Amino acid sequence: MLCVKLTIAGWICDASRLYIPAVRDYFPLARLLRHKEATQLCGACYLSLGCTISIFFFAPPIAMASITFLVLGDMSAALIGVSFGGESCVLKLGREGKKSLEGSVAMFLVCFCIGCVIFRAAPLSEYISLVGAIVATLVELYEPLALNDNLTIPVFTSFALTWAFQRVSYACTQA
């Protein structure tokens, strides 16, 4: 419930920044916002909502993995993509052509490794990690439903990991 309350409070504060001139004029964190966030909700709102949904609706290991995929995977995609994107491969990916192959590979590898560590005790953990890493990377790359990837990565990845666990569980009971 703490996550829900913090998410609601964050959305109220950010919406106030957007729609109440006095708040907008004296918003103490305005210098930290990206240029596009001056006229729209900031990424932290979507991050808190995505994490809260994952925590509230999914098993703790799945929520933890999904959130870690978002934080470390998305960060590695951005760092590697900005630093090295276009050097090895000039192919530009994503909805607006702003994503690089290098950044996507970095995200996939980081998410896969994280999944293998978190799910190491699960049967077929590599398969589960592979499914989660592929979904997280594709969601970061294409931003489905035109929603912020801070919201969609943990939610879509949580669904994918749940599906992968159910599939492995079914396969293990049939064997």
N, C-alpha and C. Protein backbone atom coordinates (compact mmCIF):
# COMPACT_ATOMS: atom_id res chain seq x y z
N MET A 1 0.82 -1.20 0.00
CA MET A 1 0.00 0.00 0.00
C MET A 1 0.86 1.26 0.00
N LEU A 2 2.07 1.14 0.55
CA LEU A 2 2.98 2.29 0.54
C LEU A 2 3.29 2.72 -0.89
N CYS A 3 3.53 1.74 -1.77
CA CYS A 3 3.81 2.07 -3.17
C CYS A 3 2.63 2.79 -3.82
N VAL A 4 1.43 2.34 -3.53
CA VAL A 4 0.23 2.96 -4.09
C VAL A 4 0.14 4.41 -3.62
N LYS A 5 0.33 4.63 -2.34
CA LYS A 5 0.24 5.99 -1.79
C LYS A 5 1.32 6.91 -2.35
N LEU A 6 2.54 6.40 -2.46
CA LEU A 6 3.63 7.21 -3.01
C LEU A 6 3.38 7.52 -4.50
N THR A 7 2.85 6.56 -5.22
CA THR A 7 2.56 6.78 -6.64
C THR A 7 1.48 7.84 -6.80
N ILE A 8 0.43 7.74 -6.02
CA ILE A 8 -0.66 8.73 -6.08
C ILE A 8 -0.12 10.12 -5.72
N ALA A 9 0.68 10.20 -4.68
CA ALA A 9 1.24 11.49 -4.26
C ALA A 9 2.14 12.07 -5.36
N GLY A 10 2.95 11.22 -5.97
CA GLY A 10 3.83 11.68 -7.05
C GLY A 10 3.05 12.19 -8.25
N TRP A 11 2.00 11.48 -8.63
CA TRP A 11 1.18 11.91 -9.76
C TRP A 11 0.46 13.22 -9.45
N ILE A 12 -0.01 13.38 -8.23
CA ILE A 12 -0.68 14.63 -7.84
C ILE A 12 0.31 15.80 -7.91
N CYS A 13 1.51 15.59 -7.38
CA CYS A 13 2.53 16.65 -7.42
C CYS A 13 2.89 17.03 -8.85
N ASP A 14 3.09 16.02 -9.70
CA ASP A 14 3.49 16.32 -11.06
C ASP A 14 2.35 16.93 -11.87
N ALA A 15 1.14 16.46 -11.65
CA ALA A 15 -0.01 17.06 -12.33
C ALA A 15 -0.19 18.51 -11.86
N SER A 16 0.05 18.76 -10.59
CA SER A 16 -0.03 20.13 -10.08
C SER A 16 1.00 21.01 -10.77
N ARG A 17 2.18 20.47 -10.98
CA ARG A 17 3.23 21.23 -11.68
C ARG A 17 2.78 21.61 -13.09
N LEU A 18 2.05 20.72 -13.72
CA LEU A 18 1.61 20.98 -15.09
C LEU A 18 0.43 21.94 -15.19
N TYR A 19 -0.51 21.84 -14.23
CA TYR A 19 -1.78 22.54 -14.40
C TYR A 19 -2.02 23.70 -13.43
N ILE A 20 -1.16 23.89 -12.46
CA ILE A 20 -1.32 25.00 -11.53
C ILE A 20 -0.14 25.94 -11.71
N PRO A 21 -0.38 27.12 -12.25
CA PRO A 21 0.72 28.04 -12.57
C PRO A 21 1.63 28.36 -11.38
N ALA A 22 1.09 28.54 -10.20
CA ALA A 22 1.92 28.88 -9.04
C ALA A 22 2.89 27.74 -8.71
N VAL A 23 2.43 26.51 -8.85
CA VAL A 23 3.30 25.36 -8.60
C VAL A 23 4.36 25.28 -9.70
N ARG A 24 3.95 25.46 -10.94
CA ARG A 24 4.88 25.40 -12.07
C ARG A 24 5.98 26.46 -11.93
N ASP A 25 5.61 27.66 -11.53
CA ASP A 25 6.58 28.75 -11.44
C ASP A 25 7.60 28.55 -10.33
N TYR A 26 7.22 27.85 -9.28
CA TYR A 26 8.12 27.67 -8.14
C TYR A 26 8.47 26.21 -7.87
N PHE A 27 8.34 25.38 -8.89
CA PHE A 27 8.64 23.96 -8.72
C PHE A 27 10.14 23.79 -8.47
N PRO A 28 10.52 23.24 -7.31
CA PRO A 28 11.95 23.20 -6.94
C PRO A 28 12.82 22.29 -7.80
N LEU A 29 12.23 21.32 -8.47
CA LEU A 29 13.02 20.37 -9.26
C LEU A 29 12.95 20.64 -10.76
N ALA A 30 12.48 21.81 -11.14
CA ALA A 30 12.28 22.12 -12.56
C ALA A 30 13.57 22.00 -13.36
N ARG A 31 14.70 22.33 -12.78
CA ARG A 31 15.98 22.26 -13.51
C ARG A 31 16.38 20.83 -13.83
N LEU A 32 15.84 19.85 -13.10
CA LEU A 32 16.19 18.46 -13.33
C LEU A 32 15.36 17.79 -14.42
N LEU A 33 14.29 18.45 -14.83
CA LEU A 33 13.40 17.86 -15.83
C LEU A 33 14.00 17.94 -17.23
N ARG A 34 13.69 16.94 -18.04
CA ARG A 34 14.08 16.98 -19.45
C ARG A 34 13.24 18.04 -20.15
N HIS A 35 13.71 18.46 -21.32
CA HIS A 35 13.01 19.51 -22.06
C HIS A 35 11.55 19.13 -22.34
N LYS A 36 11.33 17.89 -22.80
CA LYS A 36 9.97 17.47 -23.14
C LYS A 36 9.07 17.32 -21.90
N GLU A 37 9.68 17.15 -20.73
CA GLU A 37 8.89 16.99 -19.50
C GLU A 37 8.35 18.32 -18.97
N ALA A 38 8.74 19.41 -19.58
CA ALA A 38 8.22 20.72 -19.15
C ALA A 38 6.72 20.81 -19.42
N THR A 39 6.25 20.06 -20.41
CA THR A 39 4.83 20.14 -20.78
C THR A 39 4.09 18.82 -20.63
N GLN A 40 4.75 17.83 -20.05
CA GLN A 40 4.09 16.53 -19.84
C GLN A 40 4.59 15.91 -18.55
N LEU A 41 3.91 14.86 -18.12
CA LEU A 41 4.32 14.18 -16.90
C LEU A 41 5.75 13.67 -17.02
N CYS A 42 6.45 13.70 -15.91
CA CYS A 42 7.85 13.27 -15.94
C CYS A 42 7.94 11.74 -15.90
N GLY A 43 9.09 11.22 -16.27
CA GLY A 43 9.31 9.78 -16.31
C GLY A 43 9.15 9.11 -14.96
N ALA A 44 9.40 9.83 -13.88
CA ALA A 44 9.27 9.25 -12.54
C ALA A 44 7.84 8.83 -12.24
N CYS A 45 6.86 9.55 -12.77
CA CYS A 45 5.45 9.16 -12.57
C CYS A 45 5.19 7.80 -13.20
N TYR A 46 5.65 7.63 -14.42
CA TYR A 46 5.44 6.36 -15.11
C TYR A 46 6.23 5.24 -14.45
N LEU A 47 7.44 5.54 -13.99
CA LEU A 47 8.25 4.56 -13.30
C LEU A 47 7.54 4.08 -12.04
N SER A 48 7.04 5.01 -11.24
CA SER A 48 6.36 4.61 -10.00
C SER A 48 5.10 3.81 -10.29
N LEU A 49 4.36 4.18 -11.32
CA LEU A 49 3.14 3.45 -11.66
C LEU A 49 3.47 2.04 -12.16
N GLY A 50 4.46 1.93 -13.05
CA GLY A 50 4.85 0.61 -13.55
C GLY A 50 5.35 -0.30 -12.45
N CYS A 51 6.16 0.23 -11.56
CA CYS A 51 6.68 -0.57 -10.44
C CYS A 51 5.56 -0.96 -9.48
N THR A 52 4.66 -0.04 -9.21
CA THR A 52 3.54 -0.33 -8.30
C THR A 52 2.63 -1.41 -8.87
N ILE A 53 2.34 -1.34 -10.15
CA ILE A 53 1.50 -2.37 -10.78
C ILE A 53 2.18 -3.74 -10.68
N SER A 54 3.48 -3.78 -10.97
CA SER A 54 4.20 -5.06 -10.88
C SER A 54 4.22 -5.60 -9.46
N ILE A 55 4.48 -4.75 -8.49
CA ILE A 55 4.52 -5.17 -7.09
C ILE A 55 3.15 -5.64 -6.62
N PHE A 56 2.11 -4.93 -7.02
CA PHE A 56 0.76 -5.21 -6.55
C PHE A 56 0.16 -6.48 -7.16
N PHE A 57 0.44 -6.73 -8.44
CA PHE A 57 -0.26 -7.81 -9.14
C PHE A 57 0.57 -9.07 -9.40
N PHE A 58 1.86 -9.03 -9.19
CA PHE A 58 2.70 -10.17 -9.55
C PHE A 58 3.49 -10.67 -8.35
N ALA A 59 3.96 -11.91 -8.46
CA ALA A 59 4.75 -12.53 -7.39
C ALA A 59 6.01 -11.70 -7.14
N PRO A 60 6.46 -11.65 -5.89
CA PRO A 60 7.64 -10.82 -5.56
C PRO A 60 8.88 -11.06 -6.43
N PRO A 61 9.28 -12.30 -6.72
CA PRO A 61 10.47 -12.46 -7.58
C PRO A 61 10.26 -11.90 -8.99
N ILE A 62 9.06 -12.03 -9.49
CA ILE A 62 8.76 -11.52 -10.83
C ILE A 62 8.77 -10.00 -10.83
N ALA A 63 8.14 -9.40 -9.82
CA ALA A 63 8.15 -7.93 -9.71
C ALA A 63 9.57 -7.41 -9.54
N MET A 64 10.35 -8.08 -8.70
CA MET A 64 11.73 -7.65 -8.47
C MET A 64 12.54 -7.73 -9.77
N ALA A 65 12.40 -8.81 -10.50
CA ALA A 65 13.13 -8.96 -11.76
C ALA A 65 12.69 -7.90 -12.77
N SER A 66 11.40 -7.69 -12.89
CA SER A 66 10.88 -6.72 -13.85
C SER A 66 11.36 -5.31 -13.56
N ILE A 67 11.36 -4.95 -12.30
CA ILE A 67 11.82 -3.62 -11.91
C ILE A 67 13.33 -3.49 -12.13
N THR A 68 14.07 -4.54 -11.84
CA THR A 68 15.51 -4.52 -12.06
C THR A 68 15.82 -4.46 -13.55
N PHE A 69 15.04 -5.16 -14.38
CA PHE A 69 15.19 -5.07 -15.83
C PHE A 69 15.01 -3.61 -16.27
N LEU A 70 13.99 -2.96 -15.72
CA LEU A 70 13.75 -1.56 -16.07
C LEU A 70 14.93 -0.69 -15.67
N VAL A 71 15.32 -0.78 -14.42
CA VAL A 71 16.35 0.14 -13.90
C VAL A 71 17.70 -0.12 -14.56
N LEU A 72 18.20 -1.34 -14.48
CA LEU A 72 19.54 -1.63 -14.99
C LEU A 72 19.56 -1.83 -16.50
N GLY A 73 18.54 -2.50 -17.03
CA GLY A 73 18.50 -2.75 -18.47
C GLY A 73 18.30 -1.48 -19.27
N ASP A 74 17.33 -0.68 -18.89
CA ASP A 74 17.05 0.57 -19.60
C ASP A 74 18.24 1.52 -19.47
N MET A 75 18.85 1.56 -18.29
CA MET A 75 20.02 2.41 -18.08
C MET A 75 21.17 1.96 -18.98
N SER A 76 21.42 0.66 -19.06
CA SER A 76 22.51 0.17 -19.91
C SER A 76 22.22 0.44 -21.38
N ALA A 77 20.96 0.30 -21.78
CA ALA A 77 20.61 0.60 -23.17
C ALA A 77 20.89 2.06 -23.49
N ALA A 78 20.54 2.94 -22.57
CA ALA A 78 20.77 4.37 -22.80
C ALA A 78 22.27 4.70 -22.81
N LEU A 79 22.99 4.18 -21.82
CA LEU A 79 24.43 4.49 -21.74
C LEU A 79 25.21 3.95 -22.93
N ILE A 80 24.98 2.69 -23.26
CA ILE A 80 25.70 2.08 -24.38
C ILE A 80 25.20 2.66 -25.70
N GLY A 81 23.91 2.85 -25.83
CA GLY A 81 23.36 3.40 -27.06
C GLY A 81 23.87 4.79 -27.37
N VAL A 82 23.93 5.65 -26.35
CA VAL A 82 24.42 7.01 -26.56
C VAL A 82 25.94 7.01 -26.79
N SER A 83 26.64 6.19 -26.02
CA SER A 83 28.10 6.19 -26.10
C SER A 83 28.63 5.50 -27.36
N PHE A 84 28.03 4.38 -27.74
CA PHE A 84 28.58 3.58 -28.83
C PHE A 84 27.61 3.34 -29.97
N GLY A 85 26.38 3.78 -29.85
CA GLY A 85 25.37 3.53 -30.87
C GLY A 85 25.75 4.11 -32.22
N GLY A 86 25.67 3.30 -33.24
CA GLY A 86 25.98 3.73 -34.58
C GLY A 86 27.43 3.53 -34.97
N GLU A 87 28.29 3.13 -34.02
CA GLU A 87 29.69 2.92 -34.35
C GLU A 87 29.90 1.58 -35.05
N SER A 88 29.33 0.52 -34.47
CA SER A 88 29.48 -0.80 -35.06
C SER A 88 28.47 -1.03 -36.17
N CYS A 89 27.30 -0.51 -35.96
CA CYS A 89 26.20 -0.75 -36.90
C CYS A 89 25.40 0.54 -37.03
N VAL A 90 25.20 1.02 -38.22
CA VAL A 90 24.53 2.29 -38.45
C VAL A 90 23.01 2.13 -38.42
N LEU A 91 22.54 0.93 -38.21
CA LEU A 91 21.11 0.63 -38.16
C LEU A 91 20.46 1.35 -36.99
N LYS A 92 19.45 2.16 -37.26
CA LYS A 92 18.71 2.85 -36.21
C LYS A 92 17.36 2.14 -36.03
N LEU A 93 17.02 1.86 -34.80
CA LEU A 93 15.85 1.06 -34.50
C LEU A 93 14.83 1.87 -33.71
N GLY A 94 13.69 1.25 -33.45
CA GLY A 94 12.67 1.86 -32.61
C GLY A 94 11.65 2.62 -33.42
N ARG A 95 10.69 3.15 -32.72
CA ARG A 95 9.57 3.82 -33.37
C ARG A 95 9.99 5.08 -34.10
N GLU A 96 10.95 5.81 -33.58
CA GLU A 96 11.38 7.05 -34.22
C GLU A 96 12.81 6.96 -34.75
N GLY A 97 13.35 5.75 -34.79
CA GLY A 97 14.71 5.57 -35.27
C GLY A 97 15.77 6.12 -34.34
N LYS A 98 15.43 6.28 -33.06
CA LYS A 98 16.37 6.86 -32.08
C LYS A 98 17.11 5.79 -31.28
N LYS A 99 16.81 4.55 -31.50
CA LYS A 99 17.44 3.46 -30.74
C LYS A 99 18.53 2.82 -31.57
N SER A 100 19.55 2.33 -30.89
CA SER A 100 20.65 1.70 -31.61
C SER A 100 20.69 0.21 -31.32
N LEU A 101 21.30 -0.52 -32.23
CA LEU A 101 21.48 -1.95 -32.05
C LEU A 101 22.34 -2.22 -30.81
N GLU A 102 23.38 -1.41 -30.62
CA GLU A 102 24.27 -1.59 -29.47
C GLU A 102 23.52 -1.43 -28.15
N GLY A 103 22.67 -0.43 -28.06
CA GLY A 103 21.89 -0.22 -26.84
C GLY A 103 20.92 -1.36 -26.59
N SER A 104 20.29 -1.85 -27.64
CA SER A 104 19.35 -2.96 -27.49
C SER A 104 20.06 -4.24 -27.07
N VAL A 105 21.23 -4.50 -27.65
CA VAL A 105 22.00 -5.68 -27.26
C VAL A 105 22.43 -5.57 -25.80
N ALA A 106 22.85 -4.38 -25.39
CA ALA A 106 23.24 -4.17 -23.99
C ALA A 106 22.06 -4.43 -23.07
N MET A 107 20.89 -3.93 -23.42
CA MET A 107 19.72 -4.16 -22.57
C MET A 107 19.41 -5.65 -22.49
N PHE A 108 19.40 -6.33 -23.62
CA PHE A 108 19.11 -7.75 -23.62
C PHE A 108 20.08 -8.52 -22.74
N LEU A 109 21.37 -8.27 -22.89
CA LEU A 109 22.38 -9.01 -22.12
C LEU A 109 22.27 -8.74 -20.62
N VAL A 110 22.06 -7.48 -20.26
CA VAL A 110 21.92 -7.14 -18.84
C VAL A 110 20.68 -7.82 -18.26
N CYS A 111 19.56 -7.74 -18.97
CA CYS A 111 18.31 -8.35 -18.47
C CYS A 111 18.44 -9.87 -18.37
N PHE A 112 19.05 -10.48 -19.37
CA PHE A 112 19.23 -11.93 -19.34
C PHE A 112 20.08 -12.34 -18.15
N CYS A 113 21.18 -11.66 -17.93
CA CYS A 113 22.06 -11.98 -16.79
C CYS A 113 21.35 -11.77 -15.45
N ILE A 114 20.60 -10.69 -15.34
CA ILE A 114 19.84 -10.43 -14.11
C ILE A 114 18.84 -11.56 -13.88
N GLY A 115 18.12 -11.93 -14.93
CA GLY A 115 17.15 -13.03 -14.81
C GLY A 115 17.80 -14.33 -14.38
N CYS A 116 18.95 -14.63 -14.96
CA CYS A 116 19.65 -15.87 -14.58
C CYS A 116 20.07 -15.86 -13.12
N VAL A 117 20.41 -14.71 -12.59
CA VAL A 117 20.79 -14.61 -11.17
C VAL A 117 19.55 -14.71 -10.28
N ILE A 118 18.52 -13.96 -10.60
CA ILE A 118 17.32 -13.94 -9.76
C ILE A 118 16.61 -15.29 -9.77
N PHE A 119 16.54 -15.92 -10.92
CA PHE A 119 15.79 -17.17 -11.04
C PHE A 119 16.68 -18.42 -11.06
N ARG A 120 17.89 -18.31 -10.55
CA ARG A 120 18.87 -19.41 -10.64
C ARG A 120 18.36 -20.71 -10.03
N ALA A 121 17.48 -20.65 -9.05
CA ALA A 121 16.99 -21.87 -8.41
C ALA A 121 15.79 -22.48 -9.15
N ALA A 122 15.23 -21.76 -10.07
CA ALA A 122 14.05 -22.25 -10.80
C ALA A 122 14.47 -23.21 -11.90
N PRO A 123 13.64 -24.21 -12.18
CA PRO A 123 13.95 -25.08 -13.31
C PRO A 123 13.87 -24.29 -14.62
N LEU A 124 14.77 -24.60 -15.52
CA LEU A 124 14.83 -23.92 -16.82
C LEU A 124 14.92 -22.39 -16.67
N SER A 125 15.73 -21.95 -15.72
CA SER A 125 15.84 -20.51 -15.45
C SER A 125 16.35 -19.73 -16.66
N GLU A 126 17.16 -20.37 -17.49
CA GLU A 126 17.66 -19.69 -18.68
C GLU A 126 16.52 -19.37 -19.65
N TYR A 127 15.58 -20.30 -19.78
CA TYR A 127 14.43 -20.06 -20.65
C TYR A 127 13.59 -18.91 -20.11
N ILE A 128 13.31 -18.92 -18.83
CA ILE A 128 12.52 -17.85 -18.20
C ILE A 128 13.22 -16.51 -18.38
N SER A 129 14.53 -16.50 -18.15
CA SER A 129 15.30 -15.27 -18.30
C SER A 129 15.32 -14.79 -19.74
N LEU A 130 15.41 -15.71 -20.68
CA LEU A 130 15.41 -15.38 -22.10
C LEU A 130 14.10 -14.71 -22.50
N VAL A 131 12.99 -15.29 -22.09
CA VAL A 131 11.68 -14.71 -22.40
C VAL A 131 11.57 -13.30 -21.83
N GLY A 132 11.93 -13.15 -20.56
CA GLY A 132 11.85 -11.83 -19.92
C GLY A 132 12.75 -10.81 -20.59
N ALA A 133 13.98 -11.21 -20.93
CA ALA A 133 14.93 -10.29 -21.56
C ALA A 133 14.48 -9.86 -22.95
N ILE A 134 13.93 -10.81 -23.71
CA ILE A 134 13.43 -10.48 -25.05
C ILE A 134 12.28 -9.49 -24.95
N VAL A 135 11.32 -9.75 -24.07
CA VAL A 135 10.17 -8.86 -23.94
C VAL A 135 10.61 -7.48 -23.46
N ALA A 136 11.46 -7.42 -22.44
CA ALA A 136 11.93 -6.13 -21.93
C ALA A 136 12.64 -5.34 -23.03
N THR A 137 13.46 -6.01 -23.81
CA THR A 137 14.20 -5.33 -24.88
C THR A 137 13.27 -4.83 -25.97
N LEU A 138 12.32 -5.65 -26.38
CA LEU A 138 11.37 -5.23 -27.42
C LEU A 138 10.48 -4.09 -26.94
N VAL A 139 10.07 -4.14 -25.69
CA VAL A 139 9.23 -3.06 -25.14
C VAL A 139 10.03 -1.75 -25.08
N GLU A 140 11.28 -1.82 -24.67
CA GLU A 140 12.13 -0.62 -24.63
C GLU A 140 12.35 -0.09 -26.04
N LEU A 141 12.50 -0.98 -26.97
CA LEU A 141 12.80 -0.61 -28.35
C LEU A 141 11.61 0.03 -29.06
N TYR A 142 10.43 -0.56 -28.91
CA TYR A 142 9.28 -0.12 -29.70
C TYR A 142 8.21 0.64 -28.92
N GLU A 143 8.31 0.70 -27.61
CA GLU A 143 7.35 1.43 -26.76
C GLU A 143 5.90 1.19 -27.21
N PRO A 144 5.41 -0.03 -26.97
CA PRO A 144 4.05 -0.35 -27.43
C PRO A 144 3.00 0.55 -26.79
N LEU A 145 1.92 0.73 -27.50
CA LEU A 145 0.79 1.55 -27.08
C LEU A 145 1.19 3.02 -26.92
N ALA A 146 2.36 3.39 -27.43
CA ALA A 146 2.88 4.76 -27.35
C ALA A 146 2.93 5.26 -25.91
N LEU A 147 3.18 4.34 -24.98
CA LEU A 147 3.30 4.70 -23.57
C LEU A 147 4.76 4.75 -23.17
N ASN A 148 5.05 5.50 -22.15
CA ASN A 148 6.39 5.62 -21.62
C ASN A 148 6.92 4.24 -21.22
N ASP A 149 8.15 3.93 -21.60
CA ASP A 149 8.69 2.60 -21.30
C ASP A 149 8.94 2.38 -19.81
N ASN A 150 8.98 3.45 -19.02
CA ASN A 150 9.08 3.27 -17.57
C ASN A 150 7.83 2.60 -16.99
N LEU A 151 6.72 2.74 -17.67
CA LEU A 151 5.48 2.06 -17.29
C LEU A 151 5.39 0.68 -17.93
N THR A 152 5.70 0.59 -19.21
CA THR A 152 5.44 -0.65 -19.94
C THR A 152 6.47 -1.75 -19.70
N ILE A 153 7.74 -1.39 -19.47
CA ILE A 153 8.75 -2.44 -19.27
C ILE A 153 8.41 -3.33 -18.07
N PRO A 154 8.18 -2.78 -16.88
CA PRO A 154 7.90 -3.69 -15.76
C PRO A 154 6.58 -4.45 -15.92
N VAL A 155 5.57 -3.82 -16.49
CA VAL A 155 4.27 -4.49 -16.62
C VAL A 155 4.33 -5.61 -17.66
N PHE A 156 4.81 -5.31 -18.86
CA PHE A 156 4.89 -6.33 -19.91
C PHE A 156 5.85 -7.45 -19.52
N THR A 157 6.96 -7.08 -18.90
CA THR A 157 7.92 -8.10 -18.49
C THR A 157 7.36 -8.98 -17.40
N SER A 158 6.59 -8.41 -16.49
CA SER A 158 5.95 -9.21 -15.44
C SER A 158 5.00 -10.23 -16.05
N PHE A 159 4.21 -9.80 -17.02
CA PHE A 159 3.32 -10.74 -17.71
C PHE A 159 4.13 -11.84 -18.41
N ALA A 160 5.20 -11.45 -19.10
CA ALA A 160 6.01 -12.42 -19.83
C ALA A 160 6.67 -13.42 -18.89
N LEU A 161 7.21 -12.95 -17.78
CA LEU A 161 7.85 -13.85 -16.82
C LEU A 161 6.83 -14.79 -16.18
N THR A 162 5.65 -14.27 -15.88
CA THR A 162 4.59 -15.12 -15.33
C THR A 162 4.22 -16.22 -16.32
N TRP A 163 4.08 -15.83 -17.59
CA TRP A 163 3.76 -16.80 -18.64
C TRP A 163 4.87 -17.85 -18.75
N ALA A 164 6.13 -17.39 -18.74
CA ALA A 164 7.26 -18.33 -18.86
C ALA A 164 7.30 -19.30 -17.68
N PHE A 165 7.06 -18.80 -16.47
CA PHE A 165 7.02 -19.68 -15.30
C PHE A 165 5.89 -20.70 -15.42
N GLN A 166 4.73 -20.26 -15.87
CA GLN A 166 3.61 -21.19 -16.02
C GLN A 166 3.91 -22.23 -17.09
N ARG A 167 4.54 -21.81 -18.15
CA ARG A 167 4.89 -22.75 -19.22
C ARG A 167 5.90 -23.79 -18.73
N VAL A 168 6.90 -23.34 -17.98
CA VAL A 168 7.90 -24.26 -17.43
C VAL A 168 7.25 -25.20 -16.42
N SER A 169 6.39 -24.66 -15.59
CA SER A 169 5.70 -25.48 -14.59
C SER A 169 4.85 -26.56 -15.27
N TYR A 170 4.15 -26.18 -16.32
CA TYR A 170 3.33 -27.13 -17.06
C TYR A 170 4.21 -28.20 -17.71
N ALA A 171 5.32 -27.77 -18.31
CA ALA A 171 6.23 -28.74 -18.95
C ALA A 171 6.83 -29.70 -17.94
N CYS A 172 7.15 -29.19 -16.76
CA CYS A 172 7.75 -30.05 -15.74
C CYS A 172 6.73 -31.06 -15.18
N THR A 173 5.46 -30.67 -15.12
CA THR A 173 4.45 -31.61 -14.61
C THR A 173 4.09 -32.66 -15.66
N GLN A 174 4.30 -32.36 -16.94
CA GLN A 174 4.00 -33.29 -18.01
C GLN A 174 5.13 -34.28 -18.23
N ALA A 175 6.30 -33.98 -17.74
CA ALA A 175 7.47 -34.83 -17.98
C ALA A 175 7.46 -36.06 -17.12
